[in-house]
Amino acid sequence: MMSFNFQFLLPVGIILVGLFVASVGYEAIKNKRMRLMPINREEVLDGDAAVKAGKQTIAVGLVITAVGLIFLLLP
């Protein structure tokens, strides 16, 4: 019987979280609108402020994804 190796589960989860965070930043850049959640759901960034925050969010997401890849590729 084959057993599942759980050591790959955490890095794959980290990669998925990083990609999700990056997708939020991409949506903010594409729509030029970003909600600030969960702190204040009514406050919204528009225009250049949303694009700047979206770029920062994409950078954070890519760093998280890179950390997940490092954990996945290292034995």
N, C-alpha and C. Protein backbone atom coordinates (compact mmCIF):
# COMPACT_ATOMS: atom_id res chain seq x y z
N MET A 1 0.84 -1.17 0.00
CA MET A 1 0.00 0.00 0.00
C MET A 1 0.89 1.24 0.00
N MET A 2 0.50 2.23 -0.79
CA MET A 2 1.30 3.43 -0.93
C MET A 2 0.87 4.48 0.09
N SER A 3 1.84 5.09 0.76
CA SER A 3 1.50 6.13 1.72
C SER A 3 1.81 7.50 1.11
N PHE A 4 1.02 8.48 1.51
CA PHE A 4 1.19 9.83 1.00
C PHE A 4 2.27 10.54 1.80
N ASN A 5 3.16 11.24 1.11
CA ASN A 5 4.23 11.97 1.77
C ASN A 5 3.75 13.39 2.08
N PHE A 6 3.57 13.69 3.35
CA PHE A 6 2.99 14.97 3.77
C PHE A 6 4.00 16.11 3.82
N GLN A 7 5.27 15.84 3.55
CA GLN A 7 6.26 16.91 3.64
C GLN A 7 6.11 17.93 2.51
N PHE A 8 5.39 17.59 1.46
CA PHE A 8 5.18 18.52 0.36
C PHE A 8 3.91 19.34 0.54
N LEU A 9 3.12 19.03 1.53
CA LEU A 9 1.84 19.70 1.70
C LEU A 9 2.00 21.16 2.12
N LEU A 10 2.88 21.44 3.07
CA LEU A 10 3.08 22.82 3.54
C LEU A 10 3.68 23.72 2.46
N PRO A 11 4.74 23.31 1.76
CA PRO A 11 5.25 24.19 0.70
C PRO A 11 4.24 24.47 -0.41
N VAL A 12 3.45 23.47 -0.77
CA VAL A 12 2.43 23.69 -1.80
C VAL A 12 1.38 24.67 -1.29
N GLY A 13 1.02 24.58 -0.02
CA GLY A 13 0.09 25.54 0.57
C GLY A 13 0.65 26.95 0.58
N ILE A 14 1.94 27.08 0.89
CA ILE A 14 2.58 28.40 0.89
C ILE A 14 2.59 28.98 -0.52
N ILE A 15 2.86 28.14 -1.52
CA ILE A 15 2.86 28.60 -2.91
C ILE A 15 1.46 29.08 -3.31
N LEU A 16 0.44 28.33 -2.94
CA LEU A 16 -0.93 28.72 -3.29
C LEU A 16 -1.34 30.03 -2.62
N VAL A 17 -0.94 30.22 -1.37
CA VAL A 17 -1.24 31.48 -0.67
C VAL A 17 -0.53 32.65 -1.36
N GLY A 18 0.72 32.45 -1.74
CA GLY A 18 1.45 33.50 -2.44
C GLY A 18 0.81 33.88 -3.76
N LEU A 19 0.35 32.87 -4.50
CA LEU A 19 -0.32 33.15 -5.77
C LEU A 19 -1.65 33.86 -5.55
N PHE A 20 -2.35 33.52 -4.48
CA PHE A 20 -3.61 34.20 -4.17
C PHE A 20 -3.35 35.67 -3.84
N VAL A 21 -2.33 35.95 -3.03
CA VAL A 21 -2.00 37.33 -2.68
C VAL A 21 -1.61 38.12 -3.93
N ALA A 22 -0.82 37.49 -4.81
CA ALA A 22 -0.43 38.17 -6.05
C ALA A 22 -1.63 38.43 -6.94
N SER A 23 -2.60 37.52 -6.94
CA SER A 23 -3.79 37.74 -7.78
C SER A 23 -4.63 38.91 -7.27
N VAL A 24 -4.65 39.11 -5.96
CA VAL A 24 -5.35 40.28 -5.40
C VAL A 24 -4.68 41.57 -5.87
N GLY A 25 -3.36 41.59 -5.88
CA GLY A 25 -2.64 42.76 -6.39
C GLY A 25 -2.88 42.99 -7.87
N TYR A 26 -2.94 41.91 -8.64
CA TYR A 26 -3.21 42.03 -10.08
C TYR A 26 -4.60 42.61 -10.33
N GLU A 27 -5.58 42.15 -9.58
CA GLU A 27 -6.94 42.68 -9.72
C GLU A 27 -6.99 44.17 -9.36
N ALA A 28 -6.21 44.57 -8.35
CA ALA A 28 -6.18 45.99 -7.96
C ALA A 28 -5.59 46.84 -9.07
N ILE A 29 -4.55 46.34 -9.73
CA ILE A 29 -3.95 47.10 -10.83
C ILE A 29 -4.90 47.15 -12.03
N LYS A 30 -5.52 46.02 -12.33
CA LYS A 30 -6.40 45.93 -13.51
C LYS A 30 -7.62 46.84 -13.36
N ASN A 31 -8.23 46.83 -12.18
CA ASN A 31 -9.45 47.61 -11.95
C ASN A 31 -9.19 49.02 -11.42
N LYS A 32 -7.94 49.30 -11.04
CA LYS A 32 -7.56 50.57 -10.40
C LYS A 32 -8.46 50.86 -9.21
N ARG A 33 -8.73 49.82 -8.45
CA ARG A 33 -9.59 49.93 -7.26
C ARG A 33 -9.22 48.80 -6.31
N MET A 34 -9.05 49.15 -5.03
CA MET A 34 -8.65 48.15 -4.04
C MET A 34 -9.35 48.44 -2.72
N ARG A 35 -10.00 47.41 -2.18
CA ARG A 35 -10.64 47.55 -0.87
C ARG A 35 -9.62 47.23 0.21
N LEU A 36 -9.70 47.98 1.29
CA LEU A 36 -8.82 47.73 2.42
C LEU A 36 -9.57 46.87 3.42
N MET A 37 -9.36 45.58 3.34
CA MET A 37 -10.07 44.68 4.23
C MET A 37 -9.08 43.94 5.08
N PRO A 38 -9.40 43.40 6.18
CA PRO A 38 -10.64 43.47 6.91
C PRO A 38 -10.69 44.64 7.89
N ILE A 39 -9.70 45.52 7.84
CA ILE A 39 -9.63 46.61 8.81
C ILE A 39 -10.83 47.55 8.66
N ASN A 40 -11.04 48.03 7.44
CA ASN A 40 -12.14 48.96 7.19
C ASN A 40 -12.72 48.64 5.83
N ARG A 41 -13.82 47.94 5.81
CA ARG A 41 -14.39 47.45 4.55
C ARG A 41 -14.98 48.55 3.69
N GLU A 42 -15.29 49.69 4.27
CA GLU A 42 -15.88 50.77 3.49
C GLU A 42 -14.83 51.61 2.77
N GLU A 43 -13.60 51.59 3.24
CA GLU A 43 -12.56 52.42 2.64
C GLU A 43 -12.01 51.75 1.39
N VAL A 44 -11.90 52.52 0.31
CA VAL A 44 -11.46 51.99 -0.98
C VAL A 44 -10.36 52.89 -1.53
N LEU A 45 -9.31 52.27 -2.08
CA LEU A 45 -8.28 53.02 -2.79
C LEU A 45 -8.65 53.07 -4.26
N ASP A 46 -8.50 54.25 -4.87
CA ASP A 46 -8.81 54.42 -6.29
C ASP A 46 -7.61 54.99 -7.01
N GLY A 47 -7.55 54.76 -8.30
CA GLY A 47 -6.56 55.40 -9.16
C GLY A 47 -5.14 54.97 -8.89
N ASP A 48 -4.24 55.98 -8.84
CA ASP A 48 -2.81 55.70 -8.68
C ASP A 48 -2.48 55.05 -7.35
N ALA A 49 -3.22 55.39 -6.31
CA ALA A 49 -2.97 54.77 -5.00
C ALA A 49 -3.27 53.27 -5.05
N ALA A 50 -4.31 52.89 -5.77
CA ALA A 50 -4.65 51.47 -5.90
C ALA A 50 -3.60 50.74 -6.73
N VAL A 51 -3.08 51.39 -7.77
CA VAL A 51 -2.05 50.76 -8.60
C VAL A 51 -0.78 50.55 -7.79
N LYS A 52 -0.40 51.56 -6.99
CA LYS A 52 0.79 51.43 -6.16
C LYS A 52 0.62 50.32 -5.12
N ALA A 53 -0.53 50.28 -4.47
CA ALA A 53 -0.78 49.23 -3.49
C ALA A 53 -0.85 47.86 -4.16
N GLY A 54 -1.38 47.81 -5.38
CA GLY A 54 -1.43 46.55 -6.12
C GLY A 54 -0.04 46.04 -6.46
N LYS A 55 0.86 46.93 -6.86
CA LYS A 55 2.24 46.52 -7.15
C LYS A 55 2.93 46.00 -5.89
N GLN A 56 2.70 46.66 -4.77
CA GLN A 56 3.28 46.19 -3.52
C GLN A 56 2.72 44.84 -3.12
N THR A 57 1.44 44.64 -3.35
CA THR A 57 0.80 43.36 -3.01
C THR A 57 1.32 42.25 -3.91
N ILE A 58 1.53 42.54 -5.19
CA ILE A 58 2.11 41.54 -6.09
C ILE A 58 3.52 41.18 -5.64
N ALA A 59 4.31 42.17 -5.23
CA ALA A 59 5.66 41.89 -4.76
C ALA A 59 5.65 40.98 -3.54
N VAL A 60 4.76 41.24 -2.60
CA VAL A 60 4.65 40.40 -1.41
C VAL A 60 4.22 38.99 -1.79
N GLY A 61 3.26 38.87 -2.71
CA GLY A 61 2.81 37.56 -3.15
C GLY A 61 3.91 36.77 -3.83
N LEU A 62 4.73 37.44 -4.64
CA LEU A 62 5.83 36.74 -5.31
C LEU A 62 6.91 36.30 -4.32
N VAL A 63 7.16 37.10 -3.30
CA VAL A 63 8.12 36.70 -2.27
C VAL A 63 7.61 35.47 -1.52
N ILE A 64 6.33 35.47 -1.17
CA ILE A 64 5.74 34.30 -0.49
C ILE A 64 5.84 33.07 -1.38
N THR A 65 5.55 33.23 -2.67
CA THR A 65 5.65 32.11 -3.61
C THR A 65 7.08 31.61 -3.72
N ALA A 66 8.04 32.52 -3.75
CA ALA A 66 9.45 32.12 -3.83
C ALA A 66 9.88 31.35 -2.59
N VAL A 67 9.41 31.77 -1.43
CA VAL A 67 9.73 31.03 -0.20
C VAL A 67 9.14 29.63 -0.26
N GLY A 68 7.92 29.51 -0.75
CA GLY A 68 7.31 28.19 -0.90
C GLY A 68 8.09 27.31 -1.86
N LEU A 69 8.57 27.89 -2.97
CA LEU A 69 9.37 27.13 -3.92
C LEU A 69 10.69 26.68 -3.32
N ILE A 70 11.30 27.55 -2.52
CA ILE A 70 12.56 27.17 -1.85
C ILE A 70 12.32 26.00 -0.92
N PHE A 71 11.24 26.06 -0.13
CA PHE A 71 10.93 24.95 0.78
C PHE A 71 10.61 23.67 0.02
N LEU A 72 10.00 23.82 -1.15
CA LEU A 72 9.63 22.64 -1.95
C LEU A 72 10.85 21.99 -2.59
N LEU A 73 11.79 22.81 -3.06
CA LEU A 73 12.93 22.27 -3.80
C LEU A 73 14.07 21.80 -2.91
N LEU A 74 14.16 22.34 -1.71
CA LEU A 74 15.22 21.88 -0.81
C LEU A 74 14.79 20.58 -0.13
N PRO A 75 15.71 19.64 -0.02
CA PRO A 75 15.34 18.36 0.61
C PRO A 75 15.14 18.45 2.10
